[in-house]
């Protein structure tokens, strides 16, 4: 299972939000490219970037920081936030970004999603950010009446490469992932699912590993990496390639606890 460090960009800096609240941000670095190199040096094979300013503005805002990250590392990068037209998607692909994450337009312009999936096969990921099972849009500032499971089924039919599922109530909280919601999602689609939100420990990662056979192929980790609650190298040893197969039965006394 992929362990994907998150780099959230706000005004050119690396931050973390609490439950998606822009007024509750914590700055972790003024140099996101250095942060990206740090995660790759520790073994990350993929990075997750969110342009928080772009999500609010509806267009790519932190282009300079994104380009600096793309030039600083050689691993594949996925990016979301403000990608609501073809021009924006092409803009990030021109920087060498591997995957574009579409969120708001998946709800508001499904025909655009279909066009982009056809033009850029296997490069369009759908970000489904949910509150109580319903999809939030426009930088999590609005909540629609669309059910996350319904949107996932529709996006799979349109050609999406994968789904990133974020439980907003858990994002940035370190209270653990929403396993039940992930199971419900995995039951209705066959494309890969990447979990996001609430991961606080290696124990949480191991709980997600139990869903790998259902299609949960990766997990995005944010705040826990920045606070040191999770060490990336230990996370990779636990659930990444070449993971430890014999998990200690009592995690309270394991080397990961």
Protein backbone atom coordinates (compact mmCIF):
# COMPACT_ATOMS: atom_id res chain seq x y z
CA UNK A 1 0.00 0.00 0.00
CA UNK A 2 1.30 3.45 -0.93
CA UNK A 3 2.05 5.87 1.89
CA UNK A 4 1.68 9.31 0.31
CA UNK A 5 2.89 12.41 2.20
CA UNK A 6 0.67 15.46 1.80
CA UNK A 7 1.95 18.94 1.07
CA UNK A 8 -0.78 21.56 1.44
CA UNK A 9 0.05 24.96 -0.02
CA UNK A 10 -1.32 28.22 1.35
CA UNK A 11 0.25 31.52 0.26
CA UNK A 12 3.31 29.62 -0.93
CA UNK A 13 3.92 27.88 2.39
CA UNK A 14 3.44 24.31 3.59
CA UNK A 15 0.55 24.21 6.07
CA UNK A 16 -2.03 21.89 7.59
CA UNK A 17 -5.66 22.78 8.17
CA UNK A 18 -7.96 21.43 10.88
CA UNK A 19 -11.13 19.92 9.38
CA UNK A 20 -10.57 22.00 6.25
CA UNK A 21 -10.88 25.30 8.14
CA UNK A 22 -8.71 27.96 6.49
CA UNK A 23 -8.80 30.00 9.69
CA UNK A 24 -7.24 27.12 11.63
CA UNK A 25 -4.04 26.61 9.67
CA UNK A 26 -0.62 25.74 11.03
CA UNK A 27 2.50 26.63 9.07
CA UNK A 28 5.12 23.89 8.94
CA UNK A 29 7.54 25.32 6.38
CA UNK A 30 8.12 28.36 4.20
CA UNK A 31 9.84 26.14 1.62
CA UNK A 32 7.55 23.37 0.31
CA UNK A 33 10.21 22.10 -2.12
CA UNK A 34 12.51 21.33 0.82
CA UNK A 35 9.65 19.49 2.51
CA UNK A 36 9.10 17.44 -0.66
CA UNK A 37 12.77 16.49 -0.80
CA UNK A 38 12.67 15.50 2.86
CA UNK A 39 9.82 13.04 2.28
CA UNK A 40 11.44 11.57 -0.82
CA UNK A 41 14.76 11.20 1.00
CA UNK A 42 12.89 9.21 3.65
CA UNK A 43 11.46 6.83 1.07
CA UNK A 44 8.29 8.38 -0.32
CA UNK A 45 7.56 7.14 -3.83
CA UNK A 46 4.66 9.52 -4.47
CA UNK A 47 3.56 12.95 -3.22
CA UNK A 48 0.15 14.56 -2.75
CA UNK A 49 -0.12 18.33 -3.21
CA UNK A 50 -3.15 20.52 -2.55
CA UNK A 51 -3.29 24.14 -3.68
CA UNK A 52 -5.54 25.48 -0.91
CA UNK A 53 -5.60 28.98 -2.38
CA UNK A 54 -6.51 27.44 -5.72
CA UNK A 55 -9.39 25.50 -4.20
CA UNK A 56 -10.92 28.77 -3.00
CA UNK A 57 -10.11 30.77 -6.12
CA UNK A 58 -11.15 28.12 -8.65
CA UNK A 59 -7.82 28.28 -10.47
CA UNK A 60 -4.21 27.33 -9.82
CA UNK A 61 -2.65 29.93 -7.50
CA UNK A 62 0.56 28.45 -6.04
CA UNK A 63 2.10 27.72 -9.43
CA UNK A 64 5.61 28.76 -8.38
CA UNK A 65 5.65 26.46 -5.36
CA UNK A 66 4.22 23.59 -7.40
CA UNK A 67 6.87 24.01 -10.09
CA UNK A 68 9.63 24.16 -7.47
CA UNK A 69 8.43 20.88 -5.95
CA UNK A 70 8.21 19.20 -9.36
CA UNK A 71 11.78 20.26 -10.13
CA UNK A 72 13.11 19.23 -6.72
CA UNK A 73 11.96 15.59 -6.78
CA UNK A 74 11.74 12.78 -9.31
CA UNK A 75 8.83 10.80 -7.84
CA UNK A 76 5.30 11.02 -9.32
CA UNK A 77 3.11 13.81 -7.96
CA UNK A 78 -0.66 14.16 -7.76
CA UNK A 79 -2.17 17.62 -7.33
CA UNK A 80 -5.57 19.05 -6.58
CA UNK A 81 -7.12 22.38 -5.71
CA UNK A 82 -8.70 24.73 -8.24
CA UNK A 83 -8.47 22.42 -11.25
CA UNK A 84 -11.85 23.31 -12.75
CA UNK A 85 -11.10 23.64 -16.47
CA UNK A 86 -8.93 22.04 -19.13
CA UNK A 87 -6.44 24.91 -19.11
CA UNK A 88 -5.65 24.43 -15.43
CA UNK A 89 -5.22 20.68 -15.86
CA UNK A 90 -2.92 21.15 -18.84
CA UNK A 91 -1.02 23.78 -16.86
CA UNK A 92 -0.03 21.35 -14.11
CA UNK A 93 0.71 18.53 -16.54
CA UNK A 94 3.11 20.88 -18.33
CA UNK A 95 5.07 21.10 -15.07
CA UNK A 96 5.57 17.34 -15.06
CA UNK A 97 2.79 16.50 -12.62
CA UNK A 98 1.57 12.91 -13.10
CA UNK A 99 -2.05 13.09 -11.87
CA UNK A 100 -4.64 15.86 -11.69
CA UNK A 101 -7.21 15.60 -8.90
CA UNK A 102 -10.66 16.94 -9.77
CA UNK A 103 -13.18 17.67 -7.06
CA UNK A 104 -15.71 20.43 -7.58
CA UNK A 105 -16.09 19.83 -11.31
CA UNK A 106 -16.90 16.18 -10.66
CA UNK A 107 -20.14 17.37 -9.09
CA UNK A 108 -20.79 20.44 -11.22
CA UNK A 109 -19.40 19.46 -14.65
CA UNK A 110 -19.27 15.67 -15.08
CA UNK A 111 -19.10 16.10 -18.86
CA UNK A 112 -15.79 17.93 -18.44
CA UNK A 113 -14.49 15.06 -16.32
CA UNK A 114 -15.38 12.64 -19.09
CA UNK A 115 -13.57 14.75 -21.68
CA UNK A 116 -10.46 15.02 -19.54
CA UNK A 117 -10.44 11.30 -18.77
CA UNK A 118 -10.53 10.60 -22.49
CA UNK A 119 -7.81 13.14 -23.29
CA UNK A 120 -5.55 12.21 -20.36
CA UNK A 121 -6.19 8.49 -19.71
CA UNK A 122 -5.08 7.18 -16.31
CA UNK A 123 -4.09 10.71 -15.23
CA UNK A 124 -7.38 11.98 -13.80
CA UNK A 125 -8.13 11.20 -10.17
CA UNK A 126 -11.37 12.23 -8.51
CA UNK A 127 -11.16 13.73 -5.05
CA UNK A 128 -14.31 12.98 -3.09
CA UNK A 129 -14.36 15.04 0.10
CA UNK A 130 -17.33 14.19 2.28
CA UNK A 131 -19.18 15.43 5.33
CA UNK A 132 -21.54 12.81 6.76
CA UNK A 133 -21.42 10.93 3.48
CA UNK A 134 -22.25 13.94 1.28
CA UNK A 135 -19.79 15.57 -1.10
CA UNK A 136 -18.28 18.96 -0.25
CA UNK A 137 -17.09 21.32 -3.00
CA UNK A 138 -15.27 24.62 -3.55
CA UNK A 139 -12.47 24.08 -1.08
CA UNK A 140 -14.86 22.35 1.35
CA UNK A 141 -16.73 25.62 1.76
CA UNK A 142 -19.99 24.14 0.39
CA UNK A 143 -21.70 20.79 0.91
CA UNK A 144 -23.83 19.29 -1.86
CA UNK A 145 -26.68 16.79 -1.67
CA UNK A 146 -24.67 14.26 -3.70
CA UNK A 147 -23.77 11.05 -1.90
CA UNK A 148 -20.10 10.07 -2.03
CA UNK A 149 -20.93 6.55 -3.19
CA UNK A 150 -23.15 7.82 -6.02
CA UNK A 151 -20.44 10.18 -7.25
CA UNK A 152 -17.80 7.46 -7.11
CA UNK A 153 -19.90 5.13 -9.27
CA UNK A 154 -20.50 7.90 -11.81
CA UNK A 155 -16.83 8.90 -11.97
CA UNK A 156 -15.73 5.29 -12.47
CA UNK A 157 -18.10 5.05 -15.42
CA UNK A 158 -16.60 8.25 -16.88
CA UNK A 159 -13.08 6.83 -16.79
CA UNK A 160 -11.47 8.10 -13.59
CA UNK A 161 -8.19 6.40 -12.72
CA UNK A 162 -8.78 6.38 -8.96
CA UNK A 163 -10.74 7.95 -6.12
CA UNK A 164 -9.24 9.86 -3.21
CA UNK A 165 -11.71 9.75 -0.33
CA UNK A 166 -11.37 12.34 2.43
CA UNK A 167 -13.55 12.44 5.52
CA UNK A 168 -13.54 16.16 6.29
CA UNK A 169 -14.57 15.73 9.93
CA UNK A 170 -11.41 13.67 10.45
CA UNK A 171 -8.96 15.64 8.30
CA UNK A 172 -6.18 17.15 10.40
CA UNK A 173 -7.67 15.76 13.61
CA UNK A 174 -5.49 12.66 14.18
CA UNK A 175 -8.57 10.68 15.31
CA UNK A 176 -8.21 7.85 12.81
CA UNK A 177 -9.63 7.10 9.34
CA UNK A 178 -13.29 6.41 8.61
CA UNK A 179 -13.01 2.70 7.89
CA UNK A 180 -16.75 2.14 7.50
CA UNK A 181 -17.07 4.83 4.82
CA UNK A 182 -14.10 3.35 2.97
CA UNK A 183 -15.68 -0.10 3.08
CA UNK A 184 -18.94 1.29 1.68
CA UNK A 185 -17.07 3.00 -1.12
CA UNK A 186 -14.98 -0.06 -1.94
CA UNK A 187 -18.15 -2.15 -2.16
CA UNK A 188 -19.56 -0.14 -5.08
CA UNK A 189 -16.49 0.59 -7.27
CA UNK A 190 -13.54 -1.38 -8.62
CA UNK A 191 -11.00 1.38 -9.35
CA UNK A 192 -8.34 2.07 -6.69
CA UNK A 193 -9.27 4.07 -3.60
CA UNK A 194 -6.79 6.25 -1.72
CA UNK A 195 -7.75 7.01 1.88
CA UNK A 196 -7.26 10.44 3.41
CA UNK A 197 -8.09 12.11 6.69
CA UNK A 198 -7.49 11.39 10.36
CA UNK A 199 -4.50 9.02 10.16
CA UNK A 200 -2.67 9.42 13.45
CA UNK A 201 -0.48 6.36 13.97
CA UNK A 202 1.02 3.28 12.41
CA UNK A 203 -1.83 1.39 14.07
CA UNK A 204 -4.24 3.40 11.88
CA UNK A 205 -2.19 2.46 8.83
CA UNK A 206 -2.37 -1.21 9.76
CA UNK A 207 -6.15 -0.95 10.07
CA UNK A 208 -6.26 0.38 6.51
CA UNK A 209 -4.05 -2.46 5.32
CA UNK A 210 -6.95 -4.78 6.10
CA UNK A 211 -8.91 -3.00 3.36
CA UNK A 212 -6.22 -3.44 0.71
CA UNK A 213 -7.88 -6.52 -0.76
CA UNK A 214 -11.09 -4.49 -1.17
CA UNK A 215 -9.34 -1.88 -3.31
CA UNK A 216 -7.85 0.64 -0.87
CA UNK A 217 -4.44 0.92 -2.51
CA UNK A 218 -2.93 3.90 -0.72
CA UNK A 219 -3.20 6.38 2.12
CA UNK A 220 -2.41 10.07 2.28
CA UNK A 221 -0.76 11.14 5.52
CA UNK A 222 -0.51 14.79 6.50
CA UNK A 223 -0.46 16.23 10.01
CA UNK A 224 0.81 13.04 11.67
CA UNK A 225 4.00 13.18 9.60
CA UNK A 226 4.58 16.83 10.44
CA UNK A 227 4.00 16.38 14.17
CA UNK A 228 6.12 13.24 14.32
CA UNK A 229 3.23 11.01 15.40
CA UNK A 230 4.15 8.89 12.37
CA UNK A 231 7.68 8.43 11.07
CA UNK A 232 7.60 7.87 7.33
CA UNK A 233 10.24 5.16 7.39
CA UNK A 234 8.29 3.19 9.99
CA UNK A 235 5.05 3.68 8.04
CA UNK A 236 6.69 2.28 4.92
CA UNK A 237 8.06 -0.67 6.88
CA UNK A 238 4.57 -1.38 8.20
CA UNK A 239 2.45 -1.22 5.06
CA UNK A 240 4.65 -0.23 2.13
CA UNK A 241 6.59 -2.40 -0.33
CA UNK A 242 8.53 -5.08 1.51
CA UNK A 243 6.44 -4.49 4.63
CA UNK A 244 6.91 -6.53 7.75
CA UNK A 245 4.67 -9.55 7.38
CA UNK A 246 4.50 -10.69 11.00
CA UNK A 247 2.72 -7.83 12.73
CA UNK A 248 3.15 -8.02 16.53
CA UNK A 249 -0.15 -9.12 18.11
CA UNK A 250 0.00 -6.39 20.78
CA UNK A 251 0.67 -3.09 19.04
CA UNK A 252 0.90 -1.27 22.38
CA UNK A 253 4.30 -2.91 22.84
CA UNK A 254 5.43 -2.94 19.22
CA UNK A 255 8.26 -0.87 17.83
CA UNK A 256 5.60 1.18 16.01
CA UNK A 257 3.47 2.18 19.00
